[in-house]
Amino acid sequence: MNQVESERKPLLSARQVGIAAAFGGAALAVVLAGLTIPIPGTPIVTDPREIFTTIGASIAGPIGGIVIGILAGIAEPGIPLASLLAHIVGGIYSGLVYKNLSWRFNHNKILSLVLWALQVVGYYMLIVVPLFAAGVTLFYPDPANGTFFAFLGSLEVTVLPELIFTTTVTTIIMAALPERYRRPLW
């Protein structure tokens, strides 16, 4: 083995495994316990899995995001394959985008937080919602569920309040965390 091969970092460090296990385990526990949060001012009730997925995957990186995504999506009541697909790809997205966008501008706290908020919006609108809708359409074809586009069209009523809630909560958390706890580990 040459020196370059011996200096390669593992895909997951012990700290990344710990972060992924903690955040993914918390997301799984939320589902198994049936913990929900009413979104103030709306009839929407949600769970905080996306909070754990976006923050945990951002810190643990894309491989940690896969672990978190599996744990966050595996116990979805009723539609586990669609949820699993959306959470895994969302975890990968969060890890990649955070290090390469939000964290890159960490020297400017305001810009970094604005980019974080845009990252969470992208997590929902570019990854989770389309993949969830595609997964429901693909894995659970049922005329009663409607079409992919009908599903997407109904989401402004259900997803928009959750998106605003998650973006607000995670932005406050990221603003409050000291830099050493927000640093990507990969």
Protein backbone atom coordinates (compact mmCIF):
# COMPACT_ATOMS: atom_id res chain seq x y z
CA MET A 1 0.00 0.00 0.00
CA ASN A 2 1.45 3.37 -0.93
CA GLN A 3 1.35 6.43 1.31
CA VAL A 4 -1.60 8.05 -0.53
CA GLU A 5 -3.78 4.98 0.00
CA SER A 6 -2.90 4.83 3.70
CA GLU A 7 -3.85 8.51 4.17
CA ARG A 8 -7.35 8.22 2.67
CA LYS A 9 -10.07 9.16 5.02
CA PRO A 10 -12.79 6.58 5.66
CA LEU A 11 -16.21 7.25 4.13
CA LEU A 12 -17.58 7.73 7.63
CA SER A 13 -15.58 8.77 10.67
CA ALA A 14 -16.62 7.73 14.16
CA ARG A 15 -18.01 11.24 14.74
CA GLN A 16 -20.06 11.08 11.54
CA VAL A 17 -21.44 7.67 12.55
CA GLY A 18 -22.34 9.09 15.97
CA ILE A 19 -24.08 12.14 14.46
CA ALA A 20 -25.90 10.01 11.87
CA ALA A 21 -27.00 7.49 14.50
CA ALA A 22 -28.16 10.19 16.92
CA PHE A 23 -30.08 12.29 14.39
CA GLY A 24 -31.42 9.30 12.46
CA GLY A 25 -32.36 7.54 15.68
CA ALA A 26 -34.19 10.65 16.87
CA ALA A 27 -36.10 10.83 13.57
CA LEU A 28 -37.04 7.14 13.84
CA ALA A 29 -38.07 7.54 17.48
CA VAL A 30 -40.35 10.44 16.52
CA VAL A 31 -42.21 8.24 14.04
CA LEU A 32 -42.37 5.19 16.31
CA ALA A 33 -43.60 7.30 19.24
CA GLY A 34 -46.14 9.10 17.07
CA LEU A 35 -44.78 12.49 18.15
CA THR A 36 -46.42 15.30 16.21
CA ILE A 37 -46.31 19.07 16.35
CA PRO A 38 -49.27 21.28 15.43
CA ILE A 39 -48.15 24.15 13.22
CA PRO A 40 -49.41 27.36 14.81
CA GLY A 41 -52.22 29.08 12.94
CA THR A 42 -52.96 26.10 10.69
CA PRO A 43 -54.82 22.79 10.94
CA ILE A 44 -51.56 21.04 9.89
CA VAL A 45 -49.92 18.56 12.23
CA THR A 46 -46.39 17.43 11.38
CA ASP A 47 -43.46 15.60 12.90
CA PRO A 48 -39.95 16.98 13.36
CA ARG A 49 -38.14 14.40 11.19
CA GLU A 50 -37.08 16.98 8.63
CA ILE A 51 -35.46 19.02 11.38
CA PHE A 52 -33.31 16.02 12.33
CA THR A 53 -32.66 15.06 8.71
CA THR A 54 -31.58 18.47 7.44
CA ILE A 55 -29.36 19.38 10.40
CA GLY A 56 -27.90 15.92 10.97
CA ALA A 57 -27.16 15.21 7.31
CA SER A 58 -25.66 18.65 6.85
CA ILE A 59 -23.15 17.96 9.61
CA ALA A 60 -22.56 14.23 8.94
CA GLY A 61 -22.28 14.64 5.16
CA PRO A 62 -23.92 12.75 2.30
CA ILE A 63 -23.00 9.26 3.56
CA GLY A 64 -24.29 10.15 7.03
CA GLY A 65 -27.33 11.59 5.25
CA ILE A 66 -28.05 8.17 3.74
CA VAL A 67 -28.02 6.62 7.22
CA ILE A 68 -30.22 9.38 8.60
CA GLY A 69 -32.54 9.17 5.58
CA ILE A 70 -32.99 5.42 6.03
CA LEU A 71 -33.81 5.80 9.72
CA ALA A 72 -36.08 8.81 9.09
CA GLY A 73 -38.06 7.13 6.31
CA ILE A 74 -38.16 3.46 7.23
CA ALA A 75 -41.12 3.53 9.58
CA GLU A 76 -43.39 5.91 7.66
CA PRO A 77 -46.92 4.75 8.32
CA GLY A 78 -48.70 3.76 5.12
CA ILE A 79 -46.17 4.73 2.46
CA PRO A 80 -42.67 3.65 3.57
CA LEU A 81 -41.06 3.25 0.13
CA ALA A 82 -41.94 6.77 -1.00
CA SER A 83 -40.83 8.22 2.33
CA LEU A 84 -37.61 6.20 2.31
CA LEU A 85 -36.72 7.39 -1.18
CA ALA A 86 -37.43 11.03 -0.34
CA HIS A 87 -35.53 11.01 2.97
CA ILE A 88 -32.44 9.23 1.64
CA VAL A 89 -32.04 11.54 -1.36
CA GLY A 90 -32.90 14.50 0.88
CA GLY A 91 -30.14 13.46 3.29
CA ILE A 92 -27.60 13.23 0.47
CA TYR A 93 -28.73 16.64 -0.82
CA SER A 94 -28.45 18.24 2.64
CA GLY A 95 -24.92 16.96 3.16
CA LEU A 96 -23.70 18.12 -0.24
CA VAL A 97 -25.42 21.49 -0.33
CA TYR A 98 -24.54 22.50 3.22
CA LYS A 99 -20.80 22.00 2.87
CA ASN A 100 -20.64 23.46 -0.63
CA LEU A 101 -23.00 26.41 -0.16
CA SER A 102 -24.15 27.41 3.33
CA TRP A 103 -20.93 26.48 5.14
CA ARG A 104 -18.76 28.01 2.44
CA PHE A 105 -20.10 31.43 3.46
CA ASN A 106 -19.83 30.75 7.19
CA HIS A 107 -17.65 33.87 7.60
CA ASN A 108 -20.79 35.96 6.93
CA LYS A 109 -23.36 34.70 9.45
CA ILE A 110 -26.35 36.47 7.84
CA LEU A 111 -25.55 35.20 4.34
CA SER A 112 -24.88 31.72 5.71
CA LEU A 113 -28.28 31.65 7.43
CA VAL A 114 -30.07 32.94 4.33
CA LEU A 115 -28.35 30.20 2.30
CA TRP A 116 -29.33 27.68 4.99
CA ALA A 117 -32.98 28.75 4.68
CA LEU A 118 -32.75 28.38 0.89
CA GLN A 119 -31.17 24.95 1.39
CA VAL A 120 -34.16 23.84 3.49
CA VAL A 121 -36.58 25.21 0.87
CA GLY A 122 -34.64 23.28 -1.77
CA TYR A 123 -34.74 20.16 0.40
CA TYR A 124 -38.52 20.27 0.36
CA MET A 125 -39.29 21.65 -3.08
CA LEU A 126 -36.53 20.07 -5.17
CA ILE A 127 -36.07 16.75 -3.41
CA VAL A 128 -38.61 15.58 -0.85
CA VAL A 129 -41.89 16.75 -2.39
CA PRO A 130 -41.19 15.60 -5.98
CA LEU A 131 -39.65 12.28 -4.86
CA PHE A 132 -42.43 11.65 -2.37
CA ALA A 133 -45.04 12.39 -5.03
CA ALA A 134 -43.22 10.22 -7.58
CA GLY A 135 -42.81 7.45 -5.00
CA VAL A 136 -46.49 7.49 -4.09
CA THR A 137 -47.42 7.42 -7.80
CA LEU A 138 -44.88 4.68 -8.63
CA PHE A 139 -45.07 2.41 -5.59
CA TYR A 140 -48.75 2.85 -4.76
CA PRO A 141 -50.60 3.33 -8.04
CA ASP A 142 -54.18 3.93 -7.11
CA PRO A 143 -56.64 6.07 -9.05
CA ALA A 144 -57.99 7.32 -5.72
CA ASN A 145 -54.56 8.89 -5.02
CA GLY A 146 -54.84 10.96 -8.19
CA THR A 147 -51.99 11.73 -10.54
CA PHE A 148 -48.50 12.92 -9.76
CA PHE A 149 -49.41 16.48 -10.75
CA ALA A 150 -52.65 16.49 -8.76
CA PHE A 151 -50.63 15.40 -5.74
CA LEU A 152 -48.12 18.19 -6.29
CA GLY A 153 -50.94 20.71 -6.76
CA SER A 154 -52.47 19.87 -3.39
CA LEU A 155 -49.22 20.38 -1.53
CA GLU A 156 -49.39 24.15 -1.12
CA VAL A 157 -52.05 23.61 1.52
CA THR A 158 -50.14 20.90 3.37
CA VAL A 159 -46.43 21.41 2.62
CA LEU A 160 -46.15 25.20 2.68
CA PRO A 161 -46.92 25.55 6.43
CA GLU A 162 -44.55 22.66 7.23
CA LEU A 163 -41.87 24.18 5.01
CA ILE A 164 -42.15 27.55 6.77
CA PHE A 165 -42.14 25.88 10.18
CA THR A 166 -39.11 23.67 9.46
CA THR A 167 -37.18 26.49 7.81
CA THR A 168 -37.81 28.79 10.76
CA VAL A 169 -36.96 26.23 13.45
CA THR A 170 -33.82 24.92 11.75
CA THR A 171 -32.57 28.43 10.96
CA ILE A 172 -32.96 29.40 14.63
CA ILE A 173 -31.12 26.23 15.68
CA MET A 174 -28.28 26.81 13.21
CA ALA A 175 -27.99 30.45 14.32
CA ALA A 176 -27.78 29.38 17.97
CA LEU A 177 -25.25 26.57 17.50
CA PRO A 178 -21.60 27.48 18.02
CA GLU A 179 -19.47 27.15 14.89
CA ARG A 180 -17.73 23.98 16.08
CA TYR A 181 -21.10 22.16 16.22
CA ARG A 182 -22.16 23.36 12.78
CA ARG A 183 -18.91 22.36 11.05
CA PRO A 184 -19.37 19.64 8.38
CA LEU A 185 -17.51 16.49 9.43
CA TRP A 186 -16.69 15.17 5.97
